[in-house]
Amino acid sequence: MDAKEFVQGLADELEALFARLDEEEILEAESGGQKDVVTLLKLALRSELEAAELAGAWMPQTDEVEGKMLFALQCGDEMRHYALIRDRLLELGHDEQIDPATEEYSPLYHYLKGLRTTIERAAAGPFTCEAIARARNAQFIAFCRRAGDEETARLYEEVIQPEEIHHHEEGRRYLERHATTPEAQEAAAAAVHATLAIADELETLAEKSTGVDTLPVS
């Protein structure tokens, strides 16, 4: 299959999944039903750090410069998002920081860290995780506005969300250029589906959307 046609099929699958979500379903799954701006910001803080650490770890393990640039861009942006969210929590009266030495990482982090090829990493990380982040952020922006927190909504709408969308688009372009063989396409599709199955944000739709149960990850 042509690489662009293949990637369009994956993108269509993601869009069909997100279209089935209720307006707060991602936030509900992510927070275990404890939805409030501060709790959701704290969860986002952890996610940003995990994403930055993964991209930073992948960069020196990637041979081609194009792949290095993809992961370097994401690493820098995610750490900046971490700082912005931390500062917003301080403004809201919460002194919150994540200590990587003491925190327990998510099952998704462990799955992603175990990926070995750039195709799999690009498919699971920039392409899929950032698509999930885009859907999550859209729900969060609307939630913040309903809660009367225009400042947090504006931070996400003007800074964080556009950069997450850019990461997804860069991941898509990478796959369009490199997922050119049946083997590469099979690996990319498997990484996308596994990511969807593991992601906490999509917990309620994992089995329905991917045909597999949430994967056990050590």
C-alpha atoms as a PDB file:
ATOM      1  CA  MET A   1       0.000   0.000   0.000  1.00  0.00           C
ATOM      2  CA  ASP A   2       1.156   3.523  -0.745  1.00  0.00           C
ATOM      3  CA  ALA A   3       2.589   5.124   2.416  1.00  0.00           C
ATOM      4  CA  LYS A   4       0.332   8.192   2.293  1.00  0.00           C
ATOM      5  CA  GLU A   5      -2.732   6.020   1.807  1.00  0.00           C
ATOM      6  CA  PHE A   6      -1.635   3.830   4.707  1.00  0.00           C
ATOM      7  CA  VAL A   7      -1.087   6.780   7.062  1.00  0.00           C
ATOM      8  CA  GLN A   8      -4.396   8.342   6.007  1.00  0.00           C
ATOM      9  CA  GLY A   9      -6.071   5.099   7.023  1.00  0.00           C
ATOM     10  CA  LEU A  10      -4.502   5.290  10.482  1.00  0.00           C
ATOM     11  CA  ALA A  11      -5.493   8.953  10.801  1.00  0.00           C
ATOM     12  CA  ASP A  12      -9.073   8.134   9.791  1.00  0.00           C
ATOM     13  CA  GLU A  13      -9.152   5.406  12.429  1.00  0.00           C
ATOM     14  CA  LEU A  14      -8.042   7.867  15.118  1.00  0.00           C
ATOM     15  CA  GLU A  15     -10.596  10.465  14.048  1.00  0.00           C
ATOM     16  CA  ALA A  16     -13.400   7.889  14.048  1.00  0.00           C
ATOM     17  CA  LEU A  17     -12.420   6.853  17.573  1.00  0.00           C
ATOM     18  CA  PHE A  18     -12.270  10.408  18.918  1.00  0.00           C
ATOM     19  CA  ALA A  19     -15.610  11.231  17.300  1.00  0.00           C
ATOM     20  CA  ARG A  20     -17.227   8.570  19.503  1.00  0.00           C
ATOM     21  CA  LEU A  21     -16.038  10.179  22.724  1.00  0.00           C
ATOM     22  CA  ASP A  22     -18.397  12.104  24.955  1.00  0.00           C
ATOM     23  CA  GLU A  23     -17.424  15.727  25.624  1.00  0.00           C
ATOM     24  CA  GLU A  24     -15.579  14.850  28.867  1.00  0.00           C
ATOM     25  CA  GLU A  25     -14.893  11.130  28.389  1.00  0.00           C
ATOM     26  CA  ILE A  26     -11.117  11.454  28.160  1.00  0.00           C
ATOM     27  CA  LEU A  27     -11.015  13.627  31.277  1.00  0.00           C
ATOM     28  CA  GLU A  28     -13.290  11.193  33.085  1.00  0.00           C
ATOM     29  CA  ALA A  29     -11.076   8.197  32.300  1.00  0.00           C
ATOM     30  CA  GLU A  30      -7.844  10.071  32.967  1.00  0.00           C
ATOM     31  CA  SER A  31      -8.906  11.334  36.393  1.00  0.00           C
ATOM     32  CA  GLY A  32     -10.942   8.378  37.557  1.00  0.00           C
ATOM     33  CA  GLY A  33     -13.969  10.658  37.729  1.00  0.00           C
ATOM     34  CA  GLN A  34     -12.285  13.279  39.948  1.00  0.00           C
ATOM     35  CA  LYS A  35     -12.546  16.106  37.467  1.00  0.00           C
ATOM     36  CA  ASP A  36     -11.327  19.522  38.525  1.00  0.00           C
ATOM     37  CA  VAL A  37      -8.817  21.872  36.941  1.00  0.00           C
ATOM     38  CA  VAL A  38      -6.048  21.306  39.494  1.00  0.00           C
ATOM     39  CA  THR A  39      -6.297  17.499  39.407  1.00  0.00           C
ATOM     40  CA  LEU A  40      -6.259  17.496  35.613  1.00  0.00           C
ATOM     41  CA  LEU A  41      -3.274  19.857  35.519  1.00  0.00           C
ATOM     42  CA  LYS A  42      -1.364  17.577  37.880  1.00  0.00           C
ATOM     43  CA  LEU A  43      -2.079  14.602  35.633  1.00  0.00           C
ATOM     44  CA  ALA A  44      -0.969  16.654  32.623  1.00  0.00           C
ATOM     45  CA  LEU A  45       2.253  17.549  34.425  1.00  0.00           C
ATOM     46  CA  ARG A  46       3.133  13.862  34.729  1.00  0.00           C
ATOM     47  CA  SER A  47       2.227  13.195  31.099  1.00  0.00           C
ATOM     48  CA  GLU A  48       4.400  16.033  29.833  1.00  0.00           C
ATOM     49  CA  LEU A  49       7.403  14.796  31.775  1.00  0.00           C
ATOM     50  CA  GLU A  50       6.959  11.218  30.570  1.00  0.00           C
ATOM     51  CA  ALA A  51       6.664  12.385  26.957  1.00  0.00           C
ATOM     52  CA  ALA A  52       9.785  14.539  27.265  1.00  0.00           C
ATOM     53  CA  GLU A  53      11.806  11.734  28.845  1.00  0.00           C
ATOM     54  CA  LEU A  54      10.797   9.256  26.154  1.00  0.00           C
ATOM     55  CA  ALA A  55      11.604  11.594  23.268  1.00  0.00           C
ATOM     56  CA  GLY A  56      14.894  12.517  24.920  1.00  0.00           C
ATOM     57  CA  ALA A  57      15.814   8.857  25.375  1.00  0.00           C
ATOM     58  CA  TRP A  58      14.919   7.981  21.791  1.00  0.00           C
ATOM     59  CA  MET A  59      16.978  10.749  20.207  1.00  0.00           C
ATOM     60  CA  PRO A  60      20.493   9.309  20.805  1.00  0.00           C
ATOM     61  CA  GLN A  61      19.230   5.836  19.881  1.00  0.00           C
ATOM     62  CA  THR A  62      18.092   7.068  16.444  1.00  0.00           C
ATOM     63  CA  ASP A  63      20.562   6.882  13.567  1.00  0.00           C
ATOM     64  CA  GLU A  64      19.046   9.217  10.988  1.00  0.00           C
ATOM     65  CA  VAL A  65      19.077  12.970  11.543  1.00  0.00           C
ATOM     66  CA  GLU A  66      15.414  13.312  10.502  1.00  0.00           C
ATOM     67  CA  GLY A  67      14.357  11.024  13.341  1.00  0.00           C
ATOM     68  CA  LYS A  68      16.616  12.810  15.802  1.00  0.00           C
ATOM     69  CA  MET A  69      15.009  16.137  14.863  1.00  0.00           C
ATOM     70  CA  LEU A  70      11.512  14.701  15.329  1.00  0.00           C
ATOM     71  CA  PHE A  71      12.249  13.533  18.859  1.00  0.00           C
ATOM     72  CA  ALA A  72      14.375  16.561  19.814  1.00  0.00           C
ATOM     73  CA  LEU A  73      11.535  18.925  18.885  1.00  0.00           C
ATOM     74  CA  GLN A  74       9.082  16.979  20.999  1.00  0.00           C
ATOM     75  CA  CYS A  75      11.447  16.670  23.966  1.00  0.00           C
ATOM     76  CA  GLY A  76      12.065  20.405  24.172  1.00  0.00           C
ATOM     77  CA  ASP A  77       8.423  21.358  23.743  1.00  0.00           C
ATOM     78  CA  GLU A  78       7.155  18.854  26.312  1.00  0.00           C
ATOM     79  CA  MET A  79       9.597  20.079  28.961  1.00  0.00           C
ATOM     80  CA  ARG A  80       8.493  23.643  28.273  1.00  0.00           C
ATOM     81  CA  HIS A  81       4.871  22.531  28.671  1.00  0.00           C
ATOM     82  CA  TYR A  82       5.856  20.932  31.981  1.00  0.00           C
ATOM     83  CA  ALA A  83       7.262  24.265  33.177  1.00  0.00           C
ATOM     84  CA  LEU A  84       4.201  26.205  32.009  1.00  0.00           C
ATOM     85  CA  ILE A  85       1.799  23.822  33.749  1.00  0.00           C
ATOM     86  CA  ARG A  86       3.906  23.858  36.910  1.00  0.00           C
ATOM     87  CA  ASP A  87       3.809  27.662  36.897  1.00  0.00           C
ATOM     88  CA  ARG A  88       0.040  27.652  36.385  1.00  0.00           C
ATOM     89  CA  LEU A  89      -0.377  25.305  39.340  1.00  0.00           C
ATOM     90  CA  LEU A  90       1.690  27.707  41.448  1.00  0.00           C
ATOM     91  CA  GLU A  91      -0.595  30.558  40.390  1.00  0.00           C
ATOM     92  CA  LEU A  92      -3.534  28.447  41.532  1.00  0.00           C
ATOM     93  CA  GLY A  93      -1.877  27.902  44.911  1.00  0.00           C
ATOM     94  CA  HIS A  94      -0.447  24.408  44.391  1.00  0.00           C
ATOM     95  CA  ASP A  95       3.297  23.787  44.683  1.00  0.00           C
ATOM     96  CA  GLU A  96       3.509  20.757  42.443  1.00  0.00           C
ATOM     97  CA  GLN A  97       6.573  19.126  40.908  1.00  0.00           C
ATOM     98  CA  ILE A  98       7.222  15.625  39.654  1.00  0.00           C
ATOM     99  CA  ASP A  99      10.425  14.002  40.865  1.00  0.00           C
ATOM    100  CA  PRO A 100      11.481  11.427  38.243  1.00  0.00           C
ATOM    101  CA  ALA A 101      13.555   9.584  40.839  1.00  0.00           C
ATOM    102  CA  THR A 102      10.546   8.810  43.027  1.00  0.00           C
ATOM    103  CA  GLU A 103       7.586   8.668  40.637  1.00  0.00           C
ATOM    104  CA  GLU A 104       5.997   5.500  39.308  1.00  0.00           C
ATOM    105  CA  TYR A 105       5.739   5.659  35.544  1.00  0.00           C
ATOM    106  CA  SER A 106       2.596   4.736  33.628  1.00  0.00           C
ATOM    107  CA  PRO A 107       2.111   1.432  31.772  1.00  0.00           C
ATOM    108  CA  LEU A 108       2.099   3.411  28.520  1.00  0.00           C
ATOM    109  CA  TYR A 109       5.509   4.887  29.346  1.00  0.00           C
ATOM    110  CA  HIS A 110       6.946   1.394  29.877  1.00  0.00           C
ATOM    111  CA  TYR A 111       5.452   0.142  26.618  1.00  0.00           C
ATOM    112  CA  LEU A 112       6.792   3.093  24.640  1.00  0.00           C
ATOM    113  CA  LYS A 113      10.222   2.828  26.218  1.00  0.00           C
ATOM    114  CA  GLY A 114      10.430  -0.765  25.016  1.00  0.00           C
ATOM    115  CA  LEU A 115       9.939   0.118  21.345  1.00  0.00           C
ATOM    116  CA  ARG A 116      13.106  -0.358  19.319  1.00  0.00           C
ATOM    117  CA  THR A 117      12.564   1.046  15.819  1.00  0.00           C
ATOM    118  CA  THR A 118      12.076   4.639  14.743  1.00  0.00           C
ATOM    119  CA  ILE A 119       8.967   3.675  12.765  1.00  0.00           C
ATOM    120  CA  GLU A 120       7.331   2.219  15.871  1.00  0.00           C
ATOM    121  CA  ARG A 121       8.387   5.150  18.027  1.00  0.00           C
ATOM    122  CA  ALA A 122       7.151   7.755  15.542  1.00  0.00           C
ATOM    123  CA  ALA A 123       3.850   5.903  15.125  1.00  0.00           C
ATOM    124  CA  ALA A 124       3.225   5.441  18.843  1.00  0.00           C
ATOM    125  CA  GLY A 125       4.688   8.721  20.127  1.00  0.00           C
ATOM    126  CA  PRO A 126       4.341  11.812  17.926  1.00  0.00           C
ATOM    127  CA  PHE A 127       1.606  10.343  15.717  1.00  0.00           C
ATOM    128  CA  THR A 128      -0.684   8.573  18.213  1.00  0.00           C
ATOM    129  CA  CYS A 129       0.080   9.953  21.681  1.00  0.00           C
ATOM    130  CA  GLU A 130      -0.022  13.506  20.358  1.00  0.00           C
ATOM    131  CA  ALA A 131      -3.314  12.812  18.595  1.00  0.00           C
ATOM    132  CA  ILE A 132      -4.697  11.614  21.937  1.00  0.00           C
ATOM    133  CA  ALA A 133      -3.240  14.741  23.568  1.00  0.00           C
ATOM    134  CA  ARG A 134      -4.978  16.904  20.973  1.00  0.00           C
ATOM    135  CA  ALA A 135      -8.341  15.288  21.746  1.00  0.00           C
ATOM    136  CA  ARG A 136      -7.707  15.474  25.490  1.00  0.00           C
ATOM    137  CA  ASN A 137      -6.671  19.111  25.340  1.00  0.00           C
ATOM    138  CA  ALA A 138      -9.758  20.074  23.345  1.00  0.00           C
ATOM    139  CA  GLN A 139     -11.919  18.559  26.079  1.00  0.00           C
ATOM    140  CA  PHE A 140      -9.824  20.211  28.783  1.00  0.00           C
ATOM    141  CA  ILE A 141     -10.044  23.668  27.198  1.00  0.00           C
ATOM    142  CA  ALA A 142     -13.832  23.410  27.064  1.00  0.00           C
ATOM    143  CA  PHE A 143     -13.909  22.073  30.632  1.00  0.00           C
ATOM    144  CA  CYS A 144     -11.786  24.994  31.908  1.00  0.00           C
ATOM    145  CA  ARG A 145     -14.119  27.495  30.269  1.00  0.00           C
ATOM    146  CA  ARG A 146     -17.148  25.842  31.840  1.00  0.00           C
ATOM    147  CA  ALA A 147     -15.333  26.012  35.184  1.00  0.00           C
ATOM    148  CA  GLY A 148     -14.597  29.717  34.688  1.00  0.00           C
ATOM    149  CA  ASP A 149     -10.805  29.259  34.384  1.00  0.00           C
ATOM    150  CA  GLU A 150     -10.130  31.326  31.289  1.00  0.00           C
ATOM    151  CA  GLU A 151      -6.394  31.648  32.040  1.00  0.00           C
ATOM    152  CA  THR A 152      -5.759  27.895  31.937  1.00  0.00           C
ATOM    153  CA  ALA A 153      -7.969  27.551  28.854  1.00  0.00           C
ATOM    154  CA  ARG A 154      -5.957  30.262  27.099  1.00  0.00           C
ATOM    155  CA  LEU A 155      -2.617  28.647  28.033  1.00  0.00           C
ATOM    156  CA  TYR A 156      -3.706  25.423  26.388  1.00  0.00           C
ATOM    157  CA  GLU A 157      -5.453  26.999  23.428  1.00  0.00           C
ATOM    158  CA  GLU A 158      -2.675  29.424  22.498  1.00  0.00           C
ATOM    159  CA  VAL A 159       0.510  27.546  23.452  1.00  0.00           C
ATOM    160  CA  ILE A 160       0.227  23.868  24.373  1.00  0.00           C
ATOM    161  CA  GLN A 161      -2.428  22.640  21.945  1.00  0.00           C
ATOM    162  CA  PRO A 162      -0.856  24.105  18.764  1.00  0.00           C
ATOM    163  CA  GLU A 163       2.484  22.503  19.616  1.00  0.00           C
ATOM    164  CA  GLU A 164       0.918  19.098  20.331  1.00  0.00           C
ATOM    165  CA  ILE A 165      -0.840  19.288  16.961  1.00  0.00           C
ATOM    166  CA  HIS A 166       2.488  20.162  15.326  1.00  0.00           C
ATOM    167  CA  HIS A 167       4.146  17.097  16.899  1.00  0.00           C
ATOM    168  CA  HIS A 168       1.352  14.886  15.534  1.00  0.00           C
ATOM    169  CA  GLU A 169       1.698  16.392  12.065  1.00  0.00           C
ATOM    170  CA  GLU A 170       5.473  15.904  12.102  1.00  0.00           C
ATOM    171  CA  GLY A 171       4.975  12.271  13.146  1.00  0.00           C
ATOM    172  CA  ARG A 172       2.510  11.833  10.300  1.00  0.00           C
ATOM    173  CA  ARG A 173       4.935  13.282   7.778  1.00  0.00           C
ATOM    174  CA  TYR A 174       7.682  10.980   9.050  1.00  0.00           C
ATOM    175  CA  LEU A 175       5.460   7.925   8.572  1.00  0.00           C
ATOM    176  CA  GLU A 176       4.440   9.074   5.104  1.00  0.00           C
ATOM    177  CA  ARG A 177       8.097   9.199   4.105  1.00  0.00           C
ATOM    178  CA  HIS A 178       9.266   6.004   5.782  1.00  0.00           C
ATOM    179  CA  ALA A 179       6.377   3.537   6.210  1.00  0.00           C
ATOM    180  CA  THR A 180       6.889   2.359   2.640  1.00  0.00           C
ATOM    181  CA  THR A 181       7.137  -1.413   3.044  1.00  0.00           C
ATOM    182  CA  PRO A 182       4.621  -3.994   4.285  1.00  0.00           C
ATOM    183  CA  GLU A 183       6.898  -4.706   7.251  1.00  0.00           C
ATOM    184  CA  ALA A 184       7.171  -1.046   8.233  1.00  0.00           C
ATOM    185  CA  GLN A 185       3.422  -0.557   7.880  1.00  0.00           C
ATOM    186  CA  GLU A 186       2.689  -3.630   9.983  1.00  0.00           C
ATOM    187  CA  ALA A 187       5.028  -2.379  12.725  1.00  0.00           C
ATOM    188  CA  ALA A 188       3.535   1.124  12.646  1.00  0.00           C
ATOM    189  CA  ALA A 189      -0.060  -0.125  12.782  1.00  0.00           C
ATOM    190  CA  ALA A 190       0.746  -2.470  15.671  1.00  0.00           C
ATOM    191  CA  ALA A 191       2.344   0.397  17.615  1.00  0.00           C
ATOM    192  CA  VAL A 192      -0.677   2.639  17.017  1.00  0.00           C
ATOM    193  CA  HIS A 193      -3.155  -0.014  18.153  1.00  0.00           C
ATOM    194  CA  ALA A 194      -1.141  -0.982  21.219  1.00  0.00           C
ATOM    195  CA  THR A 195      -0.861   2.667  22.247  1.00  0.00           C
ATOM    196  CA  LEU A 196      -4.617   3.133  21.934  1.00  0.00           C
ATOM    197  CA  ALA A 197      -5.207   0.003  24.002  1.00  0.00           C
ATOM    198  CA  ILE A 198      -2.898   1.072  26.826  1.00  0.00           C
ATOM    199  CA  ALA A 199      -3.613   4.818  27.044  1.00  0.00           C
ATOM    200  CA  ASP A 200      -5.398   5.692  30.292  1.00  0.00           C
ATOM    201  CA  GLU A 201      -7.268   8.478  28.510  1.00  0.00           C
ATOM    202  CA  LEU A 202      -9.065   5.934  26.295  1.00  0.00           C
ATOM    203  CA  GLU A 203      -9.615   3.259  28.915  1.00  0.00           C
ATOM    204  CA  THR A 204     -13.361   2.965  28.362  1.00  0.00           C
ATOM    205  CA  LEU A 205     -12.956   2.518  24.594  1.00  0.00           C
ATOM    206  CA  ALA A 206      -9.817   0.358  24.459  1.00  0.00           C
ATOM    207  CA  GLU A 207     -11.439  -2.993  23.778  1.00  0.00           C
ATOM    208  CA  LYS A 208     -14.099  -1.635  21.440  1.00  0.00           C
ATOM    209  CA  SER A 209     -11.699   0.462  19.390  1.00  0.00           C
ATOM    210  CA  THR A 210      -8.722  -1.880  18.988  1.00  0.00           C
ATOM    211  CA  GLY A 211     -10.139  -5.360  19.390  1.00  0.00           C
ATOM    212  CA  VAL A 212      -7.736  -6.154  22.213  1.00  0.00           C
ATOM    213  CA  ASP A 213      -7.916  -5.853  25.956  1.00  0.00           C
ATOM    214  CA  THR A 214      -5.715  -3.368  27.772  1.00  0.00           C
ATOM    215  CA  LEU A 215      -2.236  -4.838  27.520  1.00  0.00           C
ATOM    216  CA  PRO A 216      -0.321  -5.976  30.598  1.00  0.00           C
ATOM    217  CA  VAL A 217       2.920  -3.986  30.692  1.00  0.00           C
ATOM    218  CA  SER A 218       5.643  -4.644  33.229  1.00  0.00           C
END
